[in-house]
Amino acid sequence: MLLNPKVILLVLGVIIGGVVGYATRPEIAEIRIGKLNIEISGKGIGRQDDRITSEQWKHIAIFALIGGALGLGLGFAMERGRMKF
């Protein structure tokens, strides 16, 4: 059974984006993509007791969405034969 590369890369992108977002959850998150500017501010950086603020969850979710979009784009490129691994 062959697996669809779009789905595999989408899931990998979401997971990797989520991990990167979790590892980089700052007190104030500012993401700039072209003219799009997203700023998220919270009360603290990752705490010792592992509590994550809602602002930090938003930061993690944004990174997961970006990773998923990149993974899906790579999946479409692979399916059309423009990229090969």
C-alpha atoms as a PDB file:
ATOM      1  CA  MET A   1       0.000   0.000   0.000  1.00  0.00           C
ATOM      2  CA  LEU A   2       1.446   3.360  -1.045  1.00  0.00           C
ATOM      3  CA  LEU A   3       0.893   6.355   1.164  1.00  0.00           C
ATOM      4  CA  ASN A   4       0.004   9.753  -0.208  1.00  0.00           C
ATOM      5  CA  PRO A   5       3.060  12.080   0.071  1.00  0.00           C
ATOM      6  CA  LYS A   6       0.797  15.127   0.589  1.00  0.00           C
ATOM      7  CA  VAL A   7      -0.737  13.626   3.713  1.00  0.00           C
ATOM      8  CA  ILE A   8       2.586  12.393   5.083  1.00  0.00           C
ATOM      9  CA  LEU A   9       4.311  15.735   4.562  1.00  0.00           C
ATOM     10  CA  LEU A  10       1.303  17.635   5.917  1.00  0.00           C
ATOM     11  CA  VAL A  11       1.370  15.627   9.146  1.00  0.00           C
ATOM     12  CA  LEU A  12       5.155  15.913   9.424  1.00  0.00           C
ATOM     13  CA  GLY A  13       4.952  19.667   8.814  1.00  0.00           C
ATOM     14  CA  VAL A  14       2.329  20.129  11.530  1.00  0.00           C
ATOM     15  CA  ILE A  15       4.336  18.053  14.012  1.00  0.00           C
ATOM     16  CA  ILE A  16       7.645  19.759  13.240  1.00  0.00           C
ATOM     17  CA  GLY A  17       5.998  23.199  13.257  1.00  0.00           C
ATOM     18  CA  GLY A  18       4.384  22.448  16.617  1.00  0.00           C
ATOM     19  CA  VAL A  19       7.684  21.303  18.119  1.00  0.00           C
ATOM     20  CA  VAL A  20       9.479  24.396  16.802  1.00  0.00           C
ATOM     21  CA  GLY A  21       6.670  26.608  18.114  1.00  0.00           C
ATOM     22  CA  TYR A  22       6.846  24.932  21.523  1.00  0.00           C
ATOM     23  CA  ALA A  23      10.628  25.242  21.679  1.00  0.00           C
ATOM     24  CA  THR A  24      10.562  28.923  20.710  1.00  0.00           C
ATOM     25  CA  ARG A  25       7.559  30.141  22.693  1.00  0.00           C
ATOM     26  CA  PRO A  26       8.706  33.601  23.768  1.00  0.00           C
ATOM     27  CA  GLU A  27       7.118  36.146  26.017  1.00  0.00           C
ATOM     28  CA  ILE A  28       6.225  38.235  22.979  1.00  0.00           C
ATOM     29  CA  ALA A  29       5.879  36.512  19.633  1.00  0.00           C
ATOM     30  CA  GLU A  30       6.118  38.566  16.483  1.00  0.00           C
ATOM     31  CA  ILE A  31       5.838  36.836  13.138  1.00  0.00           C
ATOM     32  CA  ARG A  32       6.345  38.783   9.923  1.00  0.00           C
ATOM     33  CA  ILE A  33       5.600  37.231   6.551  1.00  0.00           C
ATOM     34  CA  GLY A  34       5.706  39.854   3.832  1.00  0.00           C
ATOM     35  CA  LYS A  35       3.125  42.490   4.721  1.00  0.00           C
ATOM     36  CA  LEU A  36       1.455  40.223   7.282  1.00  0.00           C
ATOM     37  CA  ASN A  37       2.474  41.101  10.843  1.00  0.00           C
ATOM     38  CA  ILE A  38       1.219  38.966  13.745  1.00  0.00           C
ATOM     39  CA  GLU A  39       2.148  39.922  17.308  1.00  0.00           C
ATOM     40  CA  ILE A  40       1.244  37.824  20.327  1.00  0.00           C
ATOM     41  CA  SER A  41       2.231  38.891  23.831  1.00  0.00           C
ATOM     42  CA  GLY A  42       2.062  36.953  27.058  1.00  0.00           C
ATOM     43  CA  LYS A  43       3.099  37.300  30.682  1.00  0.00           C
ATOM     44  CA  GLY A  44       6.004  34.896  30.640  1.00  0.00           C
ATOM     45  CA  ILE A  45       8.266  32.533  28.813  1.00  0.00           C
ATOM     46  CA  GLY A  46       8.032  28.761  29.313  1.00  0.00           C
ATOM     47  CA  ARG A  47       7.780  28.117  33.023  1.00  0.00           C
ATOM     48  CA  GLN A  48       9.384  25.444  35.150  1.00  0.00           C
ATOM     49  CA  ASP A  49       6.025  23.886  36.008  1.00  0.00           C
ATOM     50  CA  ASP A  50       5.265  23.482  32.285  1.00  0.00           C
ATOM     51  CA  ARG A  51       2.156  25.679  32.280  1.00  0.00           C
ATOM     52  CA  ILE A  52       1.667  27.331  28.894  1.00  0.00           C
ATOM     53  CA  THR A  53      -0.297  30.565  28.552  1.00  0.00           C
ATOM     54  CA  SER A  54      -3.014  30.932  25.936  1.00  0.00           C
ATOM     55  CA  GLU A  55      -0.809  33.381  24.035  1.00  0.00           C
ATOM     56  CA  GLN A  56       1.933  30.784  23.864  1.00  0.00           C
ATOM     57  CA  TRP A  57      -0.572  28.208  22.572  1.00  0.00           C
ATOM     58  CA  LYS A  58      -1.429  30.659  19.798  1.00  0.00           C
ATOM     59  CA  HIS A  59       2.282  30.940  18.983  1.00  0.00           C
ATOM     60  CA  ILE A  60       2.584  27.145  18.814  1.00  0.00           C
ATOM     61  CA  ALA A  61      -0.556  26.884  16.643  1.00  0.00           C
ATOM     62  CA  ILE A  62       0.729  29.490  14.180  1.00  0.00           C
ATOM     63  CA  PHE A  63       4.004  27.607  13.771  1.00  0.00           C
ATOM     64  CA  ALA A  64       2.107  24.316  13.336  1.00  0.00           C
ATOM     65  CA  LEU A  65      -0.090  25.871  10.631  1.00  0.00           C
ATOM     66  CA  ILE A  66       2.926  27.295   8.806  1.00  0.00           C
ATOM     67  CA  GLY A  67       4.681  23.915   8.994  1.00  0.00           C
ATOM     68  CA  GLY A  68       1.566  22.161   7.713  1.00  0.00           C
ATOM     69  CA  ALA A  69       1.248  24.572   4.795  1.00  0.00           C
ATOM     70  CA  LEU A  70       4.898  24.070   3.872  1.00  0.00           C
ATOM     71  CA  GLY A  71       4.536  20.295   4.128  1.00  0.00           C
ATOM     72  CA  LEU A  72       1.414  20.306   1.972  1.00  0.00           C
ATOM     73  CA  GLY A  73       3.164  22.484  -0.610  1.00  0.00           C
ATOM     74  CA  LEU A  74       6.089  20.061  -0.723  1.00  0.00           C
ATOM     75  CA  GLY A  75       3.620  17.194  -1.100  1.00  0.00           C
ATOM     76  CA  PHE A  76       1.993  18.819  -4.119  1.00  0.00           C
ATOM     77  CA  ALA A  77       5.428  19.537  -5.633  1.00  0.00           C
ATOM     78  CA  MET A  78       6.457  15.898  -5.159  1.00  0.00           C
ATOM     79  CA  GLU A  79       3.214  14.609  -6.641  1.00  0.00           C
ATOM     80  CA  ARG A  80       3.615  16.703  -9.775  1.00  0.00           C
ATOM     81  CA  GLY A  81       7.144  15.440 -10.249  1.00  0.00           C
ATOM     82  CA  ARG A  82       8.885  18.748  -9.622  1.00  0.00           C
ATOM     83  CA  MET A  83      10.713  17.364  -6.594  1.00  0.00           C
ATOM     84  CA  LYS A  84      12.050  13.879  -6.031  1.00  0.00           C
ATOM     85  CA  PHE A  85      13.601  12.308  -2.973  1.00  0.00           C
END
